[in-house]
mmCIF file of all heavy atoms, coordinates in Angstrom:
data_MODEL
# 
_entry.id   MODEL 
# 
loop_
_atom_site.group_PDB 
_atom_site.id 
_atom_site.type_symbol 
_atom_site.label_atom_id 
_atom_site.label_alt_id 
_atom_site.label_comp_id 
_atom_site.label_asym_id 
_atom_site.label_entity_id 
_atom_site.label_seq_id 
_atom_site.pdbx_PDB_ins_code 
_atom_site.Cartn_x 
_atom_site.Cartn_y 
_atom_site.Cartn_z 
_atom_site.occupancy 
_atom_site.B_iso_or_equiv 
_atom_site.pdbx_formal_charge 
_atom_site.auth_seq_id 
_atom_site.auth_comp_id 
_atom_site.auth_asym_id 
_atom_site.auth_atom_id 
_atom_site.pdbx_PDB_model_num 
ATOM 1   N N   . THR A 1 1  ? 1.742  -2.999 -8.901  1.00 0.00 ? 1  THR A N   1 
ATOM 2   C CA  . THR A 1 1  ? 1.931  -1.809 -9.561  1.00 0.00 ? 1  THR A CA  1 
ATOM 3   C C   . THR A 1 1  ? 1.901  -1.938 -11.116 1.00 0.00 ? 1  THR A C   1 
ATOM 4   O O   . THR A 1 1  ? 1.270  -1.123 -11.797 1.00 0.00 ? 1  THR A O   1 
ATOM 5   C CB  . THR A 1 1  ? 3.314  -1.101 -9.100  1.00 0.00 ? 1  THR A CB  1 
ATOM 6   O OG1 . THR A 1 1  ? 3.283  -0.919 -7.747  1.00 0.00 ? 1  THR A OG1 1 
ATOM 7   C CG2 . THR A 1 1  ? 3.470  0.257  -9.841  1.00 0.00 ? 1  THR A CG2 1 
ATOM 8   N N   . ALA A 1 2  ? 2.396  -3.103 -11.533 1.00 0.00 ? 2  ALA A N   1 
ATOM 9   C CA  . ALA A 1 2  ? 2.451  -3.242 -13.030 1.00 0.00 ? 2  ALA A CA  1 
ATOM 10  C C   . ALA A 1 2  ? 0.989  -3.556 -13.452 1.00 0.00 ? 2  ALA A C   1 
ATOM 11  O O   . ALA A 1 2  ? 0.563  -3.131 -14.587 1.00 0.00 ? 2  ALA A O   1 
ATOM 12  C CB  . ALA A 1 2  ? 3.341  -4.383 -13.403 1.00 0.00 ? 2  ALA A CB  1 
ATOM 13  N N   . ILE A 1 3  ? 0.255  -4.135 -12.708 1.00 0.00 ? 3  ILE A N   1 
ATOM 14  C CA  . ILE A 1 3  ? -1.076 -4.576 -13.064 1.00 0.00 ? 3  ILE A CA  1 
ATOM 15  C C   . ILE A 1 3  ? -2.039 -3.224 -12.958 1.00 0.00 ? 3  ILE A C   1 
ATOM 16  O O   . ILE A 1 3  ? -2.841 -3.011 -13.889 1.00 0.00 ? 3  ILE A O   1 
ATOM 17  C CB  . ILE A 1 3  ? -1.788 -5.716 -12.268 1.00 0.00 ? 3  ILE A CB  1 
ATOM 18  C CG1 . ILE A 1 3  ? -1.117 -7.004 -12.582 1.00 0.00 ? 3  ILE A CG1 1 
ATOM 19  C CG2 . ILE A 1 3  ? -3.232 -5.692 -12.224 1.00 0.00 ? 3  ILE A CG2 1 
ATOM 20  C CD1 . ILE A 1 3  ? -1.517 -8.092 -11.591 1.00 0.00 ? 3  ILE A CD1 1 
ATOM 21  N N   . MET A 1 4  ? -1.935 -2.576 -11.855 1.00 0.00 ? 4  MET A N   1 
ATOM 22  C CA  . MET A 1 4  ? -2.885 -1.363 -11.660 1.00 0.00 ? 4  MET A CA  1 
ATOM 23  C C   . MET A 1 4  ? -2.406 -0.146 -12.375 1.00 0.00 ? 4  MET A C   1 
ATOM 24  O O   . MET A 1 4  ? -3.092 0.803  -12.394 1.00 0.00 ? 4  MET A O   1 
ATOM 25  C CB  . MET A 1 4  ? -2.862 -1.071 -10.079 1.00 0.00 ? 4  MET A CB  1 
ATOM 26  C CG  . MET A 1 4  ? -3.551 -2.147 -9.307  1.00 0.00 ? 4  MET A CG  1 
ATOM 27  S SD  . MET A 1 4  ? -3.758 -1.361 -7.726  1.00 0.00 ? 4  MET A SD  1 
ATOM 28  C CE  . MET A 1 4  ? -4.936 -2.642 -7.022  1.00 0.00 ? 4  MET A CE  1 
ATOM 29  N N   . GLN A 1 5  ? -1.254 -0.150 -12.885 1.00 0.00 ? 5  GLN A N   1 
ATOM 30  C CA  . GLN A 1 5  ? -0.665 1.001  -13.636 1.00 0.00 ? 5  GLN A CA  1 
ATOM 31  C C   . GLN A 1 5  ? -0.503 2.257  -12.805 1.00 0.00 ? 5  GLN A C   1 
ATOM 32  O O   . GLN A 1 5  ? -0.646 3.370  -13.264 1.00 0.00 ? 5  GLN A O   1 
ATOM 33  C CB  . GLN A 1 5  ? -1.565 1.324  -14.826 1.00 0.00 ? 5  GLN A CB  1 
ATOM 34  C CG  . GLN A 1 5  ? -1.698 0.132  -15.764 1.00 0.00 ? 5  GLN A CG  1 
ATOM 35  C CD  . GLN A 1 5  ? -0.469 -0.067 -16.731 1.00 0.00 ? 5  GLN A CD  1 
ATOM 36  O OE1 . GLN A 1 5  ? 0.049  0.886  -17.256 1.00 0.00 ? 5  GLN A OE1 1 
ATOM 37  N NE2 . GLN A 1 5  ? -0.020 -1.209 -16.795 1.00 0.00 ? 5  GLN A NE2 1 
ATOM 38  N N   . SER A 1 6  ? -0.268 2.055  -11.481 1.00 0.00 ? 6  SER A N   1 
ATOM 39  C CA  . SER A 1 6  ? -0.304 3.395  -10.676 1.00 0.00 ? 6  SER A CA  1 
ATOM 40  C C   . SER A 1 6  ? 0.487  2.998  -9.394  1.00 0.00 ? 6  SER A C   1 
ATOM 41  O O   . SER A 1 6  ? -0.081 2.367  -8.475  1.00 0.00 ? 6  SER A O   1 
ATOM 42  C CB  . SER A 1 6  ? -1.638 3.825  -10.264 1.00 0.00 ? 6  SER A CB  1 
ATOM 43  O OG  . SER A 1 6  ? -1.504 4.852  -9.467  1.00 0.00 ? 6  SER A OG  1 
ATOM 44  N N   . SER A 1 7  ? 1.718  3.497  -9.313  1.00 0.00 ? 7  SER A N   1 
ATOM 45  C CA  . SER A 1 7  ? 2.480  3.253  -8.151  1.00 0.00 ? 7  SER A CA  1 
ATOM 46  C C   . SER A 1 7  ? 1.887  4.267  -6.933  1.00 0.00 ? 7  SER A C   1 
ATOM 47  O O   . SER A 1 7  ? 1.947  3.793  -5.806  1.00 0.00 ? 7  SER A O   1 
ATOM 48  C CB  . SER A 1 7  ? 3.944  3.655  -8.289  1.00 0.00 ? 7  SER A CB  1 
ATOM 49  O OG  . SER A 1 7  ? 4.167  4.926  -8.637  1.00 0.00 ? 7  SER A OG  1 
ATOM 50  N N   . THR A 1 8  ? 1.320  5.265  -7.267  1.00 0.00 ? 8  THR A N   1 
ATOM 51  C CA  . THR A 1 8  ? 0.661  6.189  -6.349  1.00 0.00 ? 8  THR A CA  1 
ATOM 52  C C   . THR A 1 8  ? -0.504 5.420  -5.589  1.00 0.00 ? 8  THR A C   1 
ATOM 53  O O   . THR A 1 8  ? -0.658 5.445  -4.383  1.00 0.00 ? 8  THR A O   1 
ATOM 54  C CB  . THR A 1 8  ? 0.082  7.457  -7.023  1.00 0.00 ? 8  THR A CB  1 
ATOM 55  O OG1 . THR A 1 8  ? 1.075  8.118  -7.659  1.00 0.00 ? 8  THR A OG1 1 
ATOM 56  C CG2 . THR A 1 8  ? -0.554 8.376  -5.953  1.00 0.00 ? 8  THR A CG2 1 
ATOM 57  N N   . LEU A 1 9  ? -1.273 4.636  -6.386  1.00 0.00 ? 9  LEU A N   1 
ATOM 58  C CA  . LEU A 1 9  ? -2.321 3.898  -5.841  1.00 0.00 ? 9  LEU A CA  1 
ATOM 59  C C   . LEU A 1 9  ? -1.844 2.790  -4.867  1.00 0.00 ? 9  LEU A C   1 
ATOM 60  O O   . LEU A 1 9  ? -2.456 2.483  -3.855  1.00 0.00 ? 9  LEU A O   1 
ATOM 61  C CB  . LEU A 1 9  ? -3.200 3.230  -6.880  1.00 0.00 ? 9  LEU A CB  1 
ATOM 62  C CG  . LEU A 1 9  ? -4.523 2.498  -6.438  1.00 0.00 ? 9  LEU A CG  1 
ATOM 63  C CD1 . LEU A 1 9  ? -5.429 3.492  -5.635  1.00 0.00 ? 9  LEU A CD1 1 
ATOM 64  C CD2 . LEU A 1 9  ? -5.176 1.905  -7.649  1.00 0.00 ? 9  LEU A CD2 1 
ATOM 65  N N   . VAL A 1 10 ? -0.831 2.080  -5.334  1.00 0.00 ? 10 VAL A N   1 
ATOM 66  C CA  . VAL A 1 10 ? -0.263 0.963  -4.513  1.00 0.00 ? 10 VAL A CA  1 
ATOM 67  C C   . VAL A 1 10 ? 0.303  1.542  -3.173  1.00 0.00 ? 10 VAL A C   1 
ATOM 68  O O   . VAL A 1 10 ? 0.106  1.061  -2.132  1.00 0.00 ? 10 VAL A O   1 
ATOM 69  C CB  . VAL A 1 10 ? 0.775  0.219  -5.301  1.00 0.00 ? 10 VAL A CB  1 
ATOM 70  C CG1 . VAL A 1 10 ? 1.497  -0.756 -4.405  1.00 0.00 ? 10 VAL A CG1 1 
ATOM 71  C CG2 . VAL A 1 10 ? 0.196  -0.530 -6.485  1.00 0.00 ? 10 VAL A CG2 1 
ATOM 72  N N   . THR A 1 11 ? 0.950  2.696  -3.303  1.00 0.00 ? 11 THR A N   1 
ATOM 73  C CA  . THR A 1 11 ? 1.546  3.364  -2.113  1.00 0.00 ? 11 THR A CA  1 
ATOM 74  C C   . THR A 1 11 ? 0.395  3.805  -1.177  1.00 0.00 ? 11 THR A C   1 
ATOM 75  O O   . THR A 1 11 ? 0.425  3.565  0.021   1.00 0.00 ? 11 THR A O   1 
ATOM 76  C CB  . THR A 1 11 ? 2.309  4.530  -2.526  1.00 0.00 ? 11 THR A CB  1 
ATOM 77  O OG1 . THR A 1 11 ? 3.479  4.145  -3.451  1.00 0.00 ? 11 THR A OG1 1 
ATOM 78  C CG2 . THR A 1 11 ? 2.978  5.186  -1.342  1.00 0.00 ? 11 THR A CG2 1 
ATOM 79  N N   . VAL A 1 12 ? -0.729 4.461  -1.763  1.00 0.00 ? 12 VAL A N   1 
ATOM 80  C CA  . VAL A 1 12 ? -1.769 4.776  -0.914  1.00 0.00 ? 12 VAL A CA  1 
ATOM 81  C C   . VAL A 1 12 ? -2.501 3.567  -0.251  1.00 0.00 ? 12 VAL A C   1 
ATOM 82  O O   . VAL A 1 12 ? -2.757 3.609  0.973   1.00 0.00 ? 12 VAL A O   1 
ATOM 83  C CB  . VAL A 1 12 ? -2.757 5.544  -1.784  1.00 0.00 ? 12 VAL A CB  1 
ATOM 84  C CG1 . VAL A 1 12 ? -4.052 5.813  -1.122  1.00 0.00 ? 12 VAL A CG1 1 
ATOM 85  C CG2 . VAL A 1 12 ? -2.263 6.907  -2.184  1.00 0.00 ? 12 VAL A CG2 1 
ATOM 86  N N   . MET A 1 13 ? -2.628 2.611  -0.975  1.00 0.00 ? 13 MET A N   1 
ATOM 87  C CA  . MET A 1 13 ? -3.240 1.306  -0.435  1.00 0.00 ? 13 MET A CA  1 
ATOM 88  C C   . MET A 1 13 ? -2.370 0.727  0.587   1.00 0.00 ? 13 MET A C   1 
ATOM 89  O O   . MET A 1 13 ? -2.946 0.384  1.726   1.00 0.00 ? 13 MET A O   1 
ATOM 90  C CB  . MET A 1 13 ? -3.517 0.235  -1.535  1.00 0.00 ? 13 MET A CB  1 
ATOM 91  C CG  . MET A 1 13 ? -4.752 0.645  -2.477  1.00 0.00 ? 13 MET A CG  1 
ATOM 92  S SD  . MET A 1 13 ? -4.840 -0.429 -3.868  1.00 0.00 ? 13 MET A SD  1 
ATOM 93  C CE  . MET A 1 13 ? -5.264 -1.970 -2.945  1.00 0.00 ? 13 MET A CE  1 
ATOM 94  N N   . THR A 1 14 ? -1.051 0.746  0.411   1.00 0.00 ? 14 THR A N   1 
ATOM 95  C CA  . THR A 1 14 ? -0.157 0.227  1.529   1.00 0.00 ? 14 THR A CA  1 
ATOM 96  C C   . THR A 1 14 ? -0.158 1.129  2.747   1.00 0.00 ? 14 THR A C   1 
ATOM 97  O O   . THR A 1 14 ? -0.275 0.564  3.861   1.00 0.00 ? 14 THR A O   1 
ATOM 98  C CB  . THR A 1 14 ? 1.256  0.203  0.953   1.00 0.00 ? 14 THR A CB  1 
ATOM 99  O OG1 . THR A 1 14 ? 1.253  -0.591 -0.305  1.00 0.00 ? 14 THR A OG1 1 
ATOM 100 C CG2 . THR A 1 14 ? 2.235  -0.358 1.900   1.00 0.00 ? 14 THR A CG2 1 
ATOM 101 N N   . ILE A 1 15 ? -0.261 2.427  2.513   1.00 0.00 ? 15 ILE A N   1 
ATOM 102 C CA  . ILE A 1 15 ? -0.384 3.283  3.651   1.00 0.00 ? 15 ILE A CA  1 
ATOM 103 C C   . ILE A 1 15 ? -1.694 3.002  4.379   1.00 0.00 ? 15 ILE A C   1 
ATOM 104 O O   . ILE A 1 15 ? -1.774 3.129  5.711   1.00 0.00 ? 15 ILE A O   1 
ATOM 105 C CB  . ILE A 1 15 ? -0.163 4.680  3.257   1.00 0.00 ? 15 ILE A CB  1 
ATOM 106 C CG1 . ILE A 1 15 ? 1.272  4.976  2.930   1.00 0.00 ? 15 ILE A CG1 1 
ATOM 107 C CG2 . ILE A 1 15 ? -0.585 5.702  4.428   1.00 0.00 ? 15 ILE A CG2 1 
ATOM 108 C CD1 . ILE A 1 15 ? 1.616  6.319  2.257   1.00 0.00 ? 15 ILE A CD1 1 
ATOM 109 N N   . SER A 1 16 ? -2.721 2.791  3.623   1.00 0.00 ? 16 SER A N   1 
ATOM 110 C CA  . SER A 1 16 ? -4.042 2.434  4.212   1.00 0.00 ? 16 SER A CA  1 
ATOM 111 C C   . SER A 1 16 ? -3.976 1.258  5.085   1.00 0.00 ? 16 SER A C   1 
ATOM 112 O O   . SER A 1 16 ? -4.535 1.103  6.081   1.00 0.00 ? 16 SER A O   1 
ATOM 113 C CB  . SER A 1 16 ? -5.190 2.355  3.220   1.00 0.00 ? 16 SER A CB  1 
ATOM 114 O OG  . SER A 1 16 ? -5.329 3.589  2.487   1.00 0.00 ? 16 SER A OG  1 
ATOM 115 N N   . PHE A 1 17 ? -3.316 0.134  4.480   1.00 0.00 ? 17 PHE A N   1 
ATOM 116 C CA  . PHE A 1 17 ? -3.183 -1.088 5.203   1.00 0.00 ? 17 PHE A CA  1 
ATOM 117 C C   . PHE A 1 17 ? -2.244 -0.780 6.513   1.00 0.00 ? 17 PHE A C   1 
ATOM 118 O O   . PHE A 1 17 ? -2.593 -1.445 7.591   1.00 0.00 ? 17 PHE A O   1 
ATOM 119 C CB  . PHE A 1 17 ? -2.526 -2.035 4.355   1.00 0.00 ? 17 PHE A CB  1 
ATOM 120 C CG  . PHE A 1 17 ? -3.392 -2.601 3.323   1.00 0.00 ? 17 PHE A CG  1 
ATOM 121 C CD1 . PHE A 1 17 ? -2.832 -3.089 2.094   1.00 0.00 ? 17 PHE A CD1 1 
ATOM 122 C CD2 . PHE A 1 17 ? -4.696 -2.772 3.456   1.00 0.00 ? 17 PHE A CD2 1 
ATOM 123 C CE1 . PHE A 1 17 ? -3.594 -3.446 1.061   1.00 0.00 ? 17 PHE A CE1 1 
ATOM 124 C CE2 . PHE A 1 17 ? -5.582 -3.211 2.384   1.00 0.00 ? 17 PHE A CE2 1 
ATOM 125 C CZ  . PHE A 1 17 ? -5.018 -3.706 1.254   1.00 0.00 ? 17 PHE A CZ  1 
ATOM 126 N N   . LEU A 1 18 ? -1.216 0.039  6.497   1.00 0.00 ? 18 LEU A N   1 
ATOM 127 C CA  . LEU A 1 18 ? -0.553 0.363  7.637   1.00 0.00 ? 18 LEU A CA  1 
ATOM 128 C C   . LEU A 1 18 ? -1.364 1.131  8.645   1.00 0.00 ? 18 LEU A C   1 
ATOM 129 O O   . LEU A 1 18 ? -1.278 0.777  9.940   1.00 0.00 ? 18 LEU A O   1 
ATOM 130 C CB  . LEU A 1 18 ? 0.653  1.245  7.226   1.00 0.00 ? 18 LEU A CB  1 
ATOM 131 C CG  . LEU A 1 18 ? 1.856  0.422  6.455   1.00 0.00 ? 18 LEU A CG  1 
ATOM 132 C CD1 . LEU A 1 18 ? 2.801  1.569  5.936   1.00 0.00 ? 18 LEU A CD1 1 
ATOM 133 C CD2 . LEU A 1 18 ? 2.558  -0.518 7.364   1.00 0.00 ? 18 LEU A CD2 1 
ATOM 134 N N   . ASN A 1 19 ? -2.206 2.016  8.175   1.00 0.00 ? 19 ASN A N   1 
ATOM 135 C CA  . ASN A 1 19 ? -3.023 2.731  9.058   1.00 0.00 ? 19 ASN A CA  1 
ATOM 136 C C   . ASN A 1 19 ? -4.041 1.818  9.757   1.00 0.00 ? 19 ASN A C   1 
ATOM 137 O O   . ASN A 1 19 ? -4.442 2.086  10.900  1.00 0.00 ? 19 ASN A O   1 
ATOM 138 C CB  . ASN A 1 19 ? -3.762 3.819  8.288   1.00 0.00 ? 19 ASN A CB  1 
ATOM 139 C CG  . ASN A 1 19 ? -4.549 4.813  9.167   1.00 0.00 ? 19 ASN A CG  1 
ATOM 140 O OD1 . ASN A 1 19 ? -4.046 4.996  10.294  1.00 0.00 ? 19 ASN A OD1 1 
ATOM 141 N ND2 . ASN A 1 19 ? -5.566 5.281  8.723   1.00 0.00 ? 19 ASN A ND2 1 
ATOM 142 N N   . ALA A 1 20 ? -4.508 0.806  8.987   1.00 0.00 ? 20 ALA A N   1 
ATOM 143 C CA  . ALA A 1 20 ? -5.434 -0.179 9.648   1.00 0.00 ? 20 ALA A CA  1 
ATOM 144 C C   . ALA A 1 20 ? -4.813 -1.269 10.343  1.00 0.00 ? 20 ALA A C   1 
ATOM 145 O O   . ALA A 1 20 ? -5.445 -2.280 10.746  1.00 0.00 ? 20 ALA A O   1 
ATOM 146 C CB  . ALA A 1 20 ? -6.326 -0.763 8.572   1.00 0.00 ? 20 ALA A CB  1 
ATOM 147 N N   . ASN A 1 21 ? -3.538 -1.144 10.541  1.00 0.00 ? 21 ASN A N   1 
ATOM 148 C CA  . ASN A 1 21 ? -2.708 -2.183 11.307  1.00 0.00 ? 21 ASN A CA  1 
ATOM 149 C C   . ASN A 1 21 ? -2.817 -3.594 10.739  1.00 0.00 ? 21 ASN A C   1 
ATOM 150 O O   . ASN A 1 21 ? -2.683 -4.597 11.340  1.00 0.00 ? 21 ASN A O   1 
ATOM 151 C CB  . ASN A 1 21 ? -3.166 -2.276 12.772  1.00 0.00 ? 21 ASN A CB  1 
ATOM 152 C CG  . ASN A 1 21 ? -2.711 -1.079 13.517  1.00 0.00 ? 21 ASN A CG  1 
ATOM 153 O OD1 . ASN A 1 21 ? -1.694 -0.489 13.228  1.00 0.00 ? 21 ASN A OD1 1 
ATOM 154 N ND2 . ASN A 1 21 ? -3.575 -0.692 14.477  1.00 0.00 ? 21 ASN A ND2 1 
ATOM 155 N N   . LEU A 1 22 ? -2.897 -3.659 9.254   1.00 0.00 ? 22 LEU A N   1 
ATOM 156 C CA  . LEU A 1 22 ? -2.964 -4.916 8.604   1.00 0.00 ? 22 LEU A CA  1 
ATOM 157 C C   . LEU A 1 22 ? -1.540 -5.273 8.166   1.00 0.00 ? 22 LEU A C   1 
ATOM 158 O O   . LEU A 1 22 ? -1.263 -6.508 7.860   1.00 0.00 ? 22 LEU A O   1 
ATOM 159 C CB  . LEU A 1 22 ? -3.819 -4.733 7.265   1.00 0.00 ? 22 LEU A CB  1 
ATOM 160 C CG  . LEU A 1 22 ? -5.260 -4.635 7.551   1.00 0.00 ? 22 LEU A CG  1 
ATOM 161 C CD1 . LEU A 1 22 ? -5.958 -4.451 6.374   1.00 0.00 ? 22 LEU A CD1 1 
ATOM 162 C CD2 . LEU A 1 22 ? -5.795 -5.772 8.432   1.00 0.00 ? 22 LEU A CD2 1 
ATOM 163 N N   . LEU A 1 23 ? -0.641 -4.419 8.149   1.00 0.00 ? 23 LEU A N   1 
ATOM 164 C CA  . LEU A 1 23 ? 0.755  -4.587 7.732   1.00 0.00 ? 23 LEU A CA  1 
ATOM 165 C C   . LEU A 1 23 ? 1.722  -3.934 8.750   1.00 0.00 ? 23 LEU A C   1 
ATOM 166 O O   . LEU A 1 23 ? 1.306  -2.913 9.435   1.00 0.00 ? 23 LEU A O   1 
ATOM 167 C CB  . LEU A 1 23 ? 1.072  -4.026 6.431   1.00 0.00 ? 23 LEU A CB  1 
ATOM 168 C CG  . LEU A 1 23 ? 0.485  -4.563 5.052   1.00 0.00 ? 23 LEU A CG  1 
ATOM 169 C CD1 . LEU A 1 23 ? 0.769  -3.708 3.908   1.00 0.00 ? 23 LEU A CD1 1 
ATOM 170 C CD2 . LEU A 1 23 ? 0.973  -6.022 4.919   1.00 0.00 ? 23 LEU A CD2 1 
ATOM 171 N N   . THR A 1 24 ? 2.910  -4.360 8.887   1.00 0.00 ? 24 THR A N   1 
ATOM 172 C CA  . THR A 1 24 ? 3.902  -3.794 9.791   1.00 0.00 ? 24 THR A CA  1 
ATOM 173 C C   . THR A 1 24 ? 4.639  -2.781 8.753   1.00 0.00 ? 24 THR A C   1 
ATOM 174 O O   . THR A 1 24 ? 4.502  -2.732 7.563   1.00 0.00 ? 24 THR A O   1 
ATOM 175 C CB  . THR A 1 24 ? 4.916  -4.810 10.267  1.00 0.00 ? 24 THR A CB  1 
ATOM 176 O OG1 . THR A 1 24 ? 5.660  -5.353 9.297   1.00 0.00 ? 24 THR A OG1 1 
ATOM 177 C CG2 . THR A 1 24 ? 4.120  -5.887 11.050  1.00 0.00 ? 24 THR A CG2 1 
ATOM 178 N N   . LEU A 1 25 ? 5.410  -1.923 9.484   1.00 0.00 ? 25 LEU A N   1 
ATOM 179 C CA  . LEU A 1 25 ? 6.190  -1.000 8.808   1.00 0.00 ? 25 LEU A CA  1 
ATOM 180 C C   . LEU A 1 25 ? 7.222  -1.629 7.755   1.00 0.00 ? 25 LEU A C   1 
ATOM 181 O O   . LEU A 1 25 ? 7.402  -1.287 6.654   1.00 0.00 ? 25 LEU A O   1 
ATOM 182 C CB  . LEU A 1 25 ? 6.846  0.047  9.782   1.00 0.00 ? 25 LEU A CB  1 
ATOM 183 C CG  . LEU A 1 25 ? 7.658  1.181  9.126   1.00 0.00 ? 25 LEU A CG  1 
ATOM 184 C CD1 . LEU A 1 25 ? 6.758  2.107  8.320   1.00 0.00 ? 25 LEU A CD1 1 
ATOM 185 C CD2 . LEU A 1 25 ? 8.345  1.986  10.147  1.00 0.00 ? 25 LEU A CD2 1 
ATOM 186 N N   . PHE A 1 26 ? 7.908  -2.648 8.325   1.00 0.00 ? 26 PHE A N   1 
ATOM 187 C CA  . PHE A 1 26 ? 8.810  -3.365 7.527   1.00 0.00 ? 26 PHE A CA  1 
ATOM 188 C C   . PHE A 1 26 ? 8.194  -3.842 6.239   1.00 0.00 ? 26 PHE A C   1 
ATOM 189 O O   . PHE A 1 26 ? 8.776  -3.765 5.118   1.00 0.00 ? 26 PHE A O   1 
ATOM 190 C CB  . PHE A 1 26 ? 9.379  -4.518 8.352   1.00 0.00 ? 26 PHE A CB  1 
ATOM 191 C CG  . PHE A 1 26 ? 10.357 -5.372 7.588   1.00 0.00 ? 26 PHE A CG  1 
ATOM 192 C CD1 . PHE A 1 26 ? 11.674 -4.978 7.302   1.00 0.00 ? 26 PHE A CD1 1 
ATOM 193 C CD2 . PHE A 1 26 ? 10.001 -6.657 7.236   1.00 0.00 ? 26 PHE A CD2 1 
ATOM 194 C CE1 . PHE A 1 26 ? 12.555 -5.754 6.723   1.00 0.00 ? 26 PHE A CE1 1 
ATOM 195 C CE2 . PHE A 1 26 ? 10.833 -7.430 6.521   1.00 0.00 ? 26 PHE A CE2 1 
ATOM 196 C CZ  . PHE A 1 26 ? 12.183 -7.025 6.312   1.00 0.00 ? 26 PHE A CZ  1 
ATOM 197 N N   . GLN A 1 27 ? 7.006  -4.474 6.284   1.00 0.00 ? 27 GLN A N   1 
ATOM 198 C CA  . GLN A 1 27 ? 6.243  -5.080 5.237   1.00 0.00 ? 27 GLN A CA  1 
ATOM 199 C C   . GLN A 1 27 ? 5.883  -3.933 4.260   1.00 0.00 ? 27 GLN A C   1 
ATOM 200 O O   . GLN A 1 27 ? 5.949  -4.138 3.020   1.00 0.00 ? 27 GLN A O   1 
ATOM 201 C CB  . GLN A 1 27 ? 5.047  -5.890 5.696   1.00 0.00 ? 27 GLN A CB  1 
ATOM 202 C CG  . GLN A 1 27 ? 5.321  -7.174 6.511   1.00 0.00 ? 27 GLN A CG  1 
ATOM 203 C CD  . GLN A 1 27 ? 4.169  -7.638 7.245   1.00 0.00 ? 27 GLN A CD  1 
ATOM 204 O OE1 . GLN A 1 27 ? 3.287  -6.893 7.606   1.00 0.00 ? 27 GLN A OE1 1 
ATOM 205 N NE2 . GLN A 1 27 ? 4.250  -8.968 7.422   1.00 0.00 ? 27 GLN A NE2 1 
# 
């Protein structure tokens, strides 16, 4: 988030990774 300057983008990317089953909910 500090590098990308956007917590929204990191959150969206994380949700995309969750949607693609690349991460667990805990992660």
